Amino acid sequence: MKNKQKTRIVAVPVIQEQMRREEINLRKEYGMYLLDVSKLIVGGAVITTAIQINTDKFLIITIAVSIAVFFGIFGFIVLTFKKK
């Protein structure tokens, strides 16, 4: 006689609940990623102006802050949005 492998039967609602949790975690990770990108954009602009790569510092800071604000707001929206 061969040894039978034990198989575990999982009910479908359990799998659906697990998929919902993973979807929520994915949204949370994506929101955190967008917030990190916004911080990196501001950091890159500050470093660029500190080592004087570009002559127009005001333009660099303005563009970087506006892009960072966009990514930050979008990141917070993704983090706080609840799927019904």
PDB file of N, CA and C in Angstrom:
ATOM      1  N   MET A   1       0.834  -1.188   0.000  1.00  0.00           N
ATOM      2  CA  MET A   1       0.000   0.000   0.000  1.00  0.00           C
ATOM      3  C   MET A   1       0.876   1.248   0.000  1.00  0.00           C
ATOM      4  N   LYS A   2       0.505   2.177  -0.821  1.00  0.00           N
ATOM      5  CA  LYS A   2       1.224   3.442  -0.861  1.00  0.00           C
ATOM      6  C   LYS A   2       0.724   4.342   0.259  1.00  0.00           C
ATOM      7  N   ASN A   3       1.638   5.145   0.735  1.00  0.00           N
ATOM      8  CA  ASN A   3       1.236   6.129   1.742  1.00  0.00           C
ATOM      9  C   ASN A   3       0.456   7.239   1.052  1.00  0.00           C
ATOM     10  N   LYS A   4      -0.721   7.466   1.511  1.00  0.00           N
ATOM     11  CA  LYS A   4      -1.530   8.535   0.945  1.00  0.00           C
ATOM     12  C   LYS A   4      -1.135   9.853   1.597  1.00  0.00           C
ATOM     13  N   GLN A   5      -0.996  10.857   0.768  1.00  0.00           N
ATOM     14  CA  GLN A   5      -0.702  12.174   1.310  1.00  0.00           C
ATOM     15  C   GLN A   5      -1.987  12.777   1.846  1.00  0.00           C
ATOM     16  N   LYS A   6      -1.853  13.387   2.974  1.00  0.00           N
ATOM     17  CA  LYS A   6      -3.030  14.016   3.563  1.00  0.00           C
ATOM     18  C   LYS A   6      -3.320  15.310   2.815  1.00  0.00           C
ATOM     19  N   THR A   7      -4.526  15.457   2.387  1.00  0.00           N
ATOM     20  CA  THR A   7      -4.935  16.679   1.715  1.00  0.00           C
ATOM     21  C   THR A   7      -5.880  17.445   2.620  1.00  0.00           C
ATOM     22  N   ARG A   8      -5.726  18.728   2.562  1.00  0.00           N
ATOM     23  CA  ARG A   8      -6.565  19.579   3.392  1.00  0.00           C
ATOM     24  C   ARG A   8      -7.570  20.289   2.502  1.00  0.00           C
ATOM     25  N   ILE A   9      -8.815  20.173   2.827  1.00  0.00           N
ATOM     26  CA  ILE A   9      -9.870  20.822   2.060  1.00  0.00           C
ATOM     27  C   ILE A   9     -10.199  22.136   2.757  1.00  0.00           C
ATOM     28  N   VAL A  10     -10.126  23.212   1.973  1.00  0.00           N
ATOM     29  CA  VAL A  10     -10.391  24.537   2.519  1.00  0.00           C
ATOM     30  C   VAL A  10     -11.681  25.051   1.901  1.00  0.00           C
ATOM     31  N   ALA A  11     -12.529  25.566   2.728  1.00  0.00           N
ATOM     32  CA  ALA A  11     -13.794  26.112   2.245  1.00  0.00           C
ATOM     33  C   ALA A  11     -13.539  27.379   1.437  1.00  0.00           C
ATOM     34  N   VAL A  12     -14.377  27.635   0.469  1.00  0.00           N
ATOM     35  CA  VAL A  12     -14.221  28.780  -0.420  1.00  0.00           C
ATOM     36  C   VAL A  12     -14.299  30.115   0.322  1.00  0.00           C
ATOM     37  N   PRO A  13     -15.202  30.304   1.288  1.00  0.00           N
ATOM     38  CA  PRO A  13     -15.234  31.595   1.989  1.00  0.00           C
ATOM     39  C   PRO A  13     -13.919  31.925   2.690  1.00  0.00           C
ATOM     40  N   VAL A  14     -13.208  30.926   3.170  1.00  0.00           N
ATOM     41  CA  VAL A  14     -11.926  31.185   3.827  1.00  0.00           C
ATOM     42  C   VAL A  14     -10.930  31.733   2.820  1.00  0.00           C
ATOM     43  N   ILE A  15     -10.911  31.159   1.620  1.00  0.00           N
ATOM     44  CA  ILE A  15     -10.005  31.628   0.579  1.00  0.00           C
ATOM     45  C   ILE A  15     -10.375  33.047   0.158  1.00  0.00           C
ATOM     46  N   GLN A  16     -11.660  33.328   0.025  1.00  0.00           N
ATOM     47  CA  GLN A  16     -12.085  34.670  -0.355  1.00  0.00           C
ATOM     48  C   GLN A  16     -11.694  35.687   0.706  1.00  0.00           C
ATOM     49  N   GLU A  17     -11.828  35.338   1.971  1.00  0.00           N
ATOM     50  CA  GLU A  17     -11.438  36.252   3.048  1.00  0.00           C
ATOM     51  C   GLU A  17      -9.935  36.494   3.021  1.00  0.00           C
ATOM     52  N   GLN A  18      -9.171  35.457   2.756  1.00  0.00           N
ATOM     53  CA  GLN A  18      -7.720  35.604   2.686  1.00  0.00           C
ATOM     54  C   GLN A  18      -7.334  36.503   1.509  1.00  0.00           C
ATOM     55  N   MET A  19      -8.015  36.380   0.393  1.00  0.00           N
ATOM     56  CA  MET A  19      -7.734  37.228  -0.763  1.00  0.00           C
ATOM     57  C   MET A  19      -8.063  38.680  -0.459  1.00  0.00           C
ATOM     58  N   ARG A  20      -9.133  38.919   0.281  1.00  0.00           N
ATOM     59  CA  ARG A  20      -9.480  40.294   0.657  1.00  0.00           C
ATOM     60  C   ARG A  20      -8.395  40.901   1.537  1.00  0.00           C
ATOM     61  N   ARG A  21      -7.892  40.110   2.490  1.00  0.00           N
ATOM     62  CA  ARG A  21      -6.830  40.608   3.366  1.00  0.00           C
ATOM     63  C   ARG A  21      -5.571  40.924   2.565  1.00  0.00           C
ATOM     64  N   GLU A  22      -5.222  40.063   1.620  1.00  0.00           N
ATOM     65  CA  GLU A  22      -4.037  40.307   0.805  1.00  0.00           C
ATOM     66  C   GLU A  22      -4.219  41.537  -0.069  1.00  0.00           C
ATOM     67  N   GLU A  23      -5.445  41.767  -0.558  1.00  0.00           N
ATOM     68  CA  GLU A  23      -5.716  42.946  -1.367  1.00  0.00           C
ATOM     69  C   GLU A  23      -5.557  44.206  -0.528  1.00  0.00           C
ATOM     70  N   ILE A  24      -6.003  44.166   0.712  1.00  0.00           N
ATOM     71  CA  ILE A  24      -5.850  45.307   1.606  1.00  0.00           C
ATOM     72  C   ILE A  24      -4.377  45.553   1.895  1.00  0.00           C
ATOM     73  N   ASN A  25      -3.617  44.486   2.125  1.00  0.00           N
ATOM     74  CA  ASN A  25      -2.190  44.649   2.376  1.00  0.00           C
ATOM     75  C   ASN A  25      -1.479  45.214   1.156  1.00  0.00           C
ATOM     76  N   LEU A  26      -1.885  44.800  -0.040  1.00  0.00           N
ATOM     77  CA  LEU A  26      -1.278  45.315  -1.256  1.00  0.00           C
ATOM     78  C   LEU A  26      -1.556  46.803  -1.398  1.00  0.00           C
ATOM     79  N   ARG A  27      -2.789  47.221  -1.099  1.00  0.00           N
ATOM     80  CA  ARG A  27      -3.119  48.644  -1.144  1.00  0.00           C
ATOM     81  C   ARG A  27      -2.289  49.433  -0.145  1.00  0.00           C
ATOM     82  N   LYS A  28      -2.124  48.867   1.041  1.00  0.00           N
ATOM     83  CA  LYS A  28      -1.341  49.546   2.071  1.00  0.00           C
ATOM     84  C   LYS A  28       0.112  49.695   1.623  1.00  0.00           C
ATOM     85  N   GLU A  29       0.681  48.650   1.052  1.00  0.00           N
ATOM     86  CA  GLU A  29       2.067  48.712   0.583  1.00  0.00           C
ATOM     87  C   GLU A  29       2.217  49.724  -0.554  1.00  0.00           C
ATOM     88  N   TYR A  30       1.245  49.776  -1.457  1.00  0.00           N
ATOM     89  CA  TYR A  30       1.297  50.730  -2.559  1.00  0.00           C
ATOM     90  C   TYR A  30       1.208  52.164  -2.040  1.00  0.00           C
ATOM     91  N   GLY A  31       0.349  52.404  -1.072  1.00  0.00           N
ATOM     92  CA  GLY A  31       0.250  53.736  -0.478  1.00  0.00           C
ATOM     93  C   GLY A  31       1.530  54.149   0.218  1.00  0.00           C
ATOM     94  N   MET A  32       2.133  53.220   0.947  1.00  0.00           N
ATOM     95  CA  MET A  32       3.407  53.518   1.613  1.00  0.00           C
ATOM     96  C   MET A  32       4.512  53.774   0.586  1.00  0.00           C
ATOM     97  N   TYR A  33       4.485  53.045  -0.523  1.00  0.00           N
ATOM     98  CA  TYR A  33       5.463  53.248  -1.590  1.00  0.00           C
ATOM     99  C   TYR A  33       5.338  54.656  -2.169  1.00  0.00           C
ATOM    100  N   LEU A  34       4.116  55.113  -2.413  1.00  0.00           N
ATOM    101  CA  LEU A  34       3.911  56.453  -2.955  1.00  0.00           C
ATOM    102  C   LEU A  34       4.386  57.527  -1.981  1.00  0.00           C
ATOM    103  N   LEU A  35       4.171  57.314  -0.697  1.00  0.00           N
ATOM    104  CA  LEU A  35       4.659  58.279   0.290  1.00  0.00           C
ATOM    105  C   LEU A  35       6.184  58.304   0.321  1.00  0.00           C
ATOM    106  N   ASP A  36       6.813  57.144   0.189  1.00  0.00           N
ATOM    107  CA  ASP A  36       8.276  57.096   0.148  1.00  0.00           C
ATOM    108  C   ASP A  36       8.822  57.796  -1.092  1.00  0.00           C
ATOM    109  N   VAL A  37       8.154  57.619  -2.224  1.00  0.00           N
ATOM    110  CA  VAL A  37       8.590  58.285  -3.452  1.00  0.00           C
ATOM    111  C   VAL A  37       8.497  59.797  -3.293  1.00  0.00           C
ATOM    112  N   SER A  38       7.451  60.273  -2.649  1.00  0.00           N
ATOM    113  CA  SER A  38       7.317  61.722  -2.461  1.00  0.00           C
ATOM    114  C   SER A  38       8.442  62.266  -1.584  1.00  0.00           C
ATOM    115  N   LYS A  39       8.834  61.505  -0.567  1.00  0.00           N
ATOM    116  CA  LYS A  39       9.957  61.949   0.270  1.00  0.00           C
ATOM    117  C   LYS A  39      11.266  61.951  -0.515  1.00  0.00           C
ATOM    118  N   LEU A  40      11.454  60.955  -1.361  1.00  0.00           N
ATOM    119  CA  LEU A  40      12.681  60.884  -2.155  1.00  0.00           C
ATOM    120  C   LEU A  40      12.769  62.012  -3.176  1.00  0.00           C
ATOM    121  N   ILE A  41      11.644  62.432  -3.715  1.00  0.00           N
ATOM    122  CA  ILE A  41      11.637  63.539  -4.673  1.00  0.00           C
ATOM    123  C   ILE A  41      12.089  64.824  -3.996  1.00  0.00           C
ATOM    124  N   VAL A  42      11.560  65.088  -2.813  1.00  0.00           N
ATOM    125  CA  VAL A  42      11.969  66.290  -2.081  1.00  0.00           C
ATOM    126  C   VAL A  42      13.448  66.204  -1.711  1.00  0.00           C
ATOM    127  N   GLY A  43      13.888  65.045  -1.267  1.00  0.00           N
ATOM    128  CA  GLY A  43      15.302  64.867  -0.927  1.00  0.00           C
ATOM    129  C   GLY A  43      16.212  65.077  -2.121  1.00  0.00           C
ATOM    130  N   GLY A  44      15.806  64.577  -3.279  1.00  0.00           N
ATOM    131  CA  GLY A  44      16.601  64.780  -4.493  1.00  0.00           C
ATOM    132  C   GLY A  44      16.678  66.242  -4.884  1.00  0.00           C
ATOM    133  N   ALA A  45      15.590  66.966  -4.714  1.00  0.00           N
ATOM    134  CA  ALA A  45      15.598  68.393  -5.039  1.00  0.00           C
ATOM    135  C   ALA A  45      16.498  69.168  -4.087  1.00  0.00           C
ATOM    136  N   VAL A  46      16.456  68.815  -2.817  1.00  0.00           N
ATOM    137  CA  VAL A  46      17.310  69.503  -1.836  1.00  0.00           C
ATOM    138  C   VAL A  46      18.780  69.228  -2.132  1.00  0.00           C
ATOM    139  N   ILE A  47      19.104  67.985  -2.440  1.00  0.00           N
ATOM    140  CA  ILE A  47      20.499  67.653  -2.753  1.00  0.00           C
ATOM    141  C   ILE A  47      20.942  68.343  -4.039  1.00  0.00           C
ATOM    142  N   THR A  48      20.051  68.412  -5.027  1.00  0.00           N
ATOM    143  CA  THR A  48      20.386  69.081  -6.288  1.00  0.00           C
ATOM    144  C   THR A  48      20.691  70.552  -6.066  1.00  0.00           C
ATOM    145  N   THR A  49      19.906  71.217  -5.235  1.00  0.00           N
ATOM    146  CA  THR A  49      20.170  72.631  -4.975  1.00  0.00           C
ATOM    147  C   THR A  49      21.376  72.819  -4.068  1.00  0.00           C
ATOM    148  N   ALA A  50      21.643  71.856  -3.188  1.00  0.00           N
ATOM    149  CA  ALA A  50      22.781  71.995  -2.277  1.00  0.00           C
ATOM    150  C   ALA A  50      24.113  71.881  -3.016  1.00  0.00           C
ATOM    151  N   ILE A  51      24.188  70.987  -3.995  1.00  0.00           N
ATOM    152  CA  ILE A  51      25.459  70.853  -4.717  1.00  0.00           C
ATOM    153  C   ILE A  51      25.480  71.700  -5.984  1.00  0.00           C
ATOM    154  N   GLN A  52      24.477  72.524  -6.167  1.00  0.00           N
ATOM    155  CA  GLN A  52      24.394  73.538  -7.217  1.00  0.00           C
ATOM    156  C   GLN A  52      24.560  72.958  -8.616  1.00  0.00           C
ATOM    157  N   ILE A  53      23.792  71.910  -8.914  1.00  0.00           N
ATOM    158  CA  ILE A  53      23.811  71.334 -10.260  1.00  0.00           C
ATOM    159  C   ILE A  53      23.069  72.244 -11.236  1.00  0.00           C
ATOM    160  N   ASN A  54      21.985  72.826 -10.795  1.00  0.00           N
ATOM    161  CA  ASN A  54      21.179  73.686 -11.647  1.00  0.00           C
ATOM    162  C   ASN A  54      21.213  75.104 -11.091  1.00  0.00           C
ATOM    163  N   THR A  55      21.125  76.092 -11.975  1.00  0.00           N
ATOM    164  CA  THR A  55      21.204  77.480 -11.521  1.00  0.00           C
ATOM    165  C   THR A  55      19.878  77.997 -10.975  1.00  0.00           C
ATOM    166  N   ASP A  56      18.764  77.475 -11.459  1.00  0.00           N
ATOM    167  CA  ASP A  56      17.456  77.961 -11.027  1.00  0.00           C
ATOM    168  C   ASP A  56      16.935  77.103  -9.869  1.00  0.00           C
ATOM    169  N   LYS A  57      17.318  77.468  -8.662  1.00  0.00           N
ATOM    170  CA  LYS A  57      16.945  76.687  -7.479  1.00  0.00           C
ATOM    171  C   LYS A  57      15.451  76.766  -7.186  1.00  0.00           C
ATOM    172  N   PHE A  58      14.879  77.946  -7.363  1.00  0.00           N
ATOM    173  CA  PHE A  58      13.460  78.130  -7.051  1.00  0.00           C
ATOM    174  C   PHE A  58      12.581  77.233  -7.924  1.00  0.00           C
ATOM    175  N   LEU A  59      12.921  77.132  -9.203  1.00  0.00           N
ATOM    176  CA  LEU A  59      12.143  76.294 -10.115  1.00  0.00           C
ATOM    177  C   LEU A  59      12.245  74.819  -9.723  1.00  0.00           C
ATOM    178  N   ILE A  60      13.437  74.371  -9.378  1.00  0.00           N
ATOM    179  CA  ILE A  60      13.639  72.967  -8.986  1.00  0.00           C
ATOM    180  C   ILE A  60      12.825  72.640  -7.738  1.00  0.00           C
ATOM    181  N   ILE A  61      12.915  73.497  -6.730  1.00  0.00           N
ATOM    182  CA  ILE A  61      12.193  73.257  -5.475  1.00  0.00           C
ATOM    183  C   ILE A  61      10.681  73.296  -5.711  1.00  0.00           C
ATOM    184  N   THR A  62      10.207  74.240  -6.519  1.00  0.00           N
ATOM    185  CA  THR A  62       8.773  74.356  -6.793  1.00  0.00           C
ATOM    186  C   THR A  62       8.237  73.113  -7.502  1.00  0.00           C
ATOM    187  N   ILE A  63       8.941  72.676  -8.523  1.00  0.00           N
ATOM    188  CA  ILE A  63       8.499  71.481  -9.256  1.00  0.00           C
ATOM    189  C   ILE A  63       8.537  70.254  -8.356  1.00  0.00           C
ATOM    190  N   ALA A  64       9.615  70.099  -7.596  1.00  0.00           N
ATOM    191  CA  ALA A  64       9.753  68.923  -6.727  1.00  0.00           C
ATOM    192  C   ALA A  64       8.677  68.896  -5.646  1.00  0.00           C
ATOM    193  N   VAL A  65       8.403  70.029  -5.050  1.00  0.00           N
ATOM    194  CA  VAL A  65       7.390  70.073  -3.993  1.00  0.00           C
ATOM    195  C   VAL A  65       6.002  69.791  -4.569  1.00  0.00           C
ATOM    196  N   SER A  66       5.713  70.334  -5.750  1.00  0.00           N
ATOM    197  CA  SER A  66       4.390  70.077  -6.337  1.00  0.00           C
ATOM    198  C   SER A  66       4.224  68.602  -6.709  1.00  0.00           C
ATOM    199  N   ILE A  67       5.261  67.976  -7.251  1.00  0.00           N
ATOM    200  CA  ILE A  67       5.180  66.545  -7.570  1.00  0.00           C
ATOM    201  C   ILE A  67       5.089  65.726  -6.287  1.00  0.00           C
ATOM    202  N   ALA A  68       5.852  66.107  -5.269  1.00  0.00           N
ATOM    203  CA  ALA A  68       5.823  65.378  -4.000  1.00  0.00           C
ATOM    204  C   ALA A  68       4.459  65.499  -3.327  1.00  0.00           C
ATOM    205  N   VAL A  69       3.853  66.667  -3.401  1.00  0.00           N
ATOM    206  CA  VAL A  69       2.513  66.842  -2.829  1.00  0.00           C
ATOM    207  C   VAL A  69       1.509  65.961  -3.570  1.00  0.00           C
ATOM    208  N   PHE A  70       1.627  65.893  -4.894  1.00  0.00           N
ATOM    209  CA  PHE A  70       0.736  65.027  -5.673  1.00  0.00           C
ATOM    210  C   PHE A  70       0.891  63.567  -5.248  1.00  0.00           C
ATOM    211  N   PHE A  71       2.137  63.085  -5.182  1.00  0.00           N
ATOM    212  CA  PHE A  71       2.367  61.700  -4.772  1.00  0.00           C
ATOM    213  C   PHE A  71       1.923  61.466  -3.329  1.00  0.00           C
ATOM    214  N   GLY A  72       2.147  62.438  -2.460  1.00  0.00           N
ATOM    215  CA  GLY A  72       1.741  62.301  -1.066  1.00  0.00           C
ATOM    216  C   GLY A  72       0.233  62.208  -0.909  1.00  0.00           C
ATOM    217  N   ILE A  73      -0.481  63.085  -1.585  1.00  0.00           N
ATOM    218  CA  ILE A  73      -1.942  63.060  -1.505  1.00  0.00           C
ATOM    219  C   ILE A  73      -2.483  61.762  -2.092  1.00  0.00           C
ATOM    220  N   PHE A  74      -1.933  61.353  -3.235  1.00  0.00           N
ATOM    221  CA  PHE A  74      -2.386  60.106  -3.852  1.00  0.00           C
ATOM    222  C   PHE A  74      -2.074  58.912  -2.948  1.00  0.00           C
ATOM    223  N   GLY A  75      -0.923  58.945  -2.274  1.00  0.00           N
ATOM    224  CA  GLY A  75      -0.575  57.873  -1.344  1.00  0.00           C
ATOM    225  C   GLY A  75      -1.535  57.802  -0.170  1.00  0.00           C
ATOM    226  N   PHE A  76      -1.887  58.959   0.391  1.00  0.00           N
ATOM    227  CA  PHE A  76      -2.847  58.968   1.497  1.00  0.00           C
ATOM    228  C   PHE A  76      -4.237  58.522   1.044  1.00  0.00           C
ATOM    229  N   ILE A  77      -4.620  58.879  -0.181  1.00  0.00           N
ATOM    230  CA  ILE A  77      -5.913  58.429  -0.700  1.00  0.00           C
ATOM    231  C   ILE A  77      -5.926  56.914  -0.826  1.00  0.00           C
ATOM    232  N   VAL A  78      -4.846  56.347  -1.344  1.00  0.00           N
ATOM    233  CA  VAL A  78      -4.776  54.887  -1.489  1.00  0.00           C
ATOM    234  C   VAL A  78      -4.805  54.218  -0.122  1.00  0.00           C
ATOM    235  N   LEU A  79      -4.129  54.801   0.858  1.00  0.00           N
ATOM    236  CA  LEU A  79      -4.104  54.209   2.199  1.00  0.00           C
ATOM    237  C   LEU A  79      -5.465  54.259   2.886  1.00  0.00           C
ATOM    238  N   THR A  80      -6.199  55.342   2.694  1.00  0.00           N
ATOM    239  CA  THR A  80      -7.448  55.514   3.432  1.00  0.00           C
ATOM    240  C   THR A  80      -8.676  55.016   2.679  1.00  0.00           C
ATOM    241  N   PHE A  81      -8.550  54.722   1.389  1.00  0.00           N
ATOM    242  CA  PHE A  81      -9.697  54.277   0.595  1.00  0.00           C
ATOM    243  C   PHE A  81     -10.080  52.863   0.997  1.00  0.00           C
ATOM    244  N   LYS A  82     -11.335  52.682   1.337  1.00  0.00           N
ATOM    245  CA  LYS A  82     -11.853  51.361   1.713  1.00  0.00           C
ATOM    246  C   LYS A  82     -12.758  50.860   0.600  1.00  0.00           C
ATOM    247  N   LYS A  83     -12.516  49.643   0.159  1.00  0.00           N
ATOM    248  CA  LYS A  83     -13.361  49.052  -0.874  1.00  0.00           C
ATOM    249  C   LYS A  83     -14.615  48.485  -0.220  1.00  0.00           C
ATOM    250  N   LYS A  84     -15.767  48.802  -0.790  1.00  0.00           N
ATOM    251  CA  LYS A  84     -17.033  48.348  -0.205  1.00  0.00           C
ATOM    252  C   LYS A  84     -17.447  47.024  -0.769  1.00  0.00           C
TER     253      LYS A  84
END
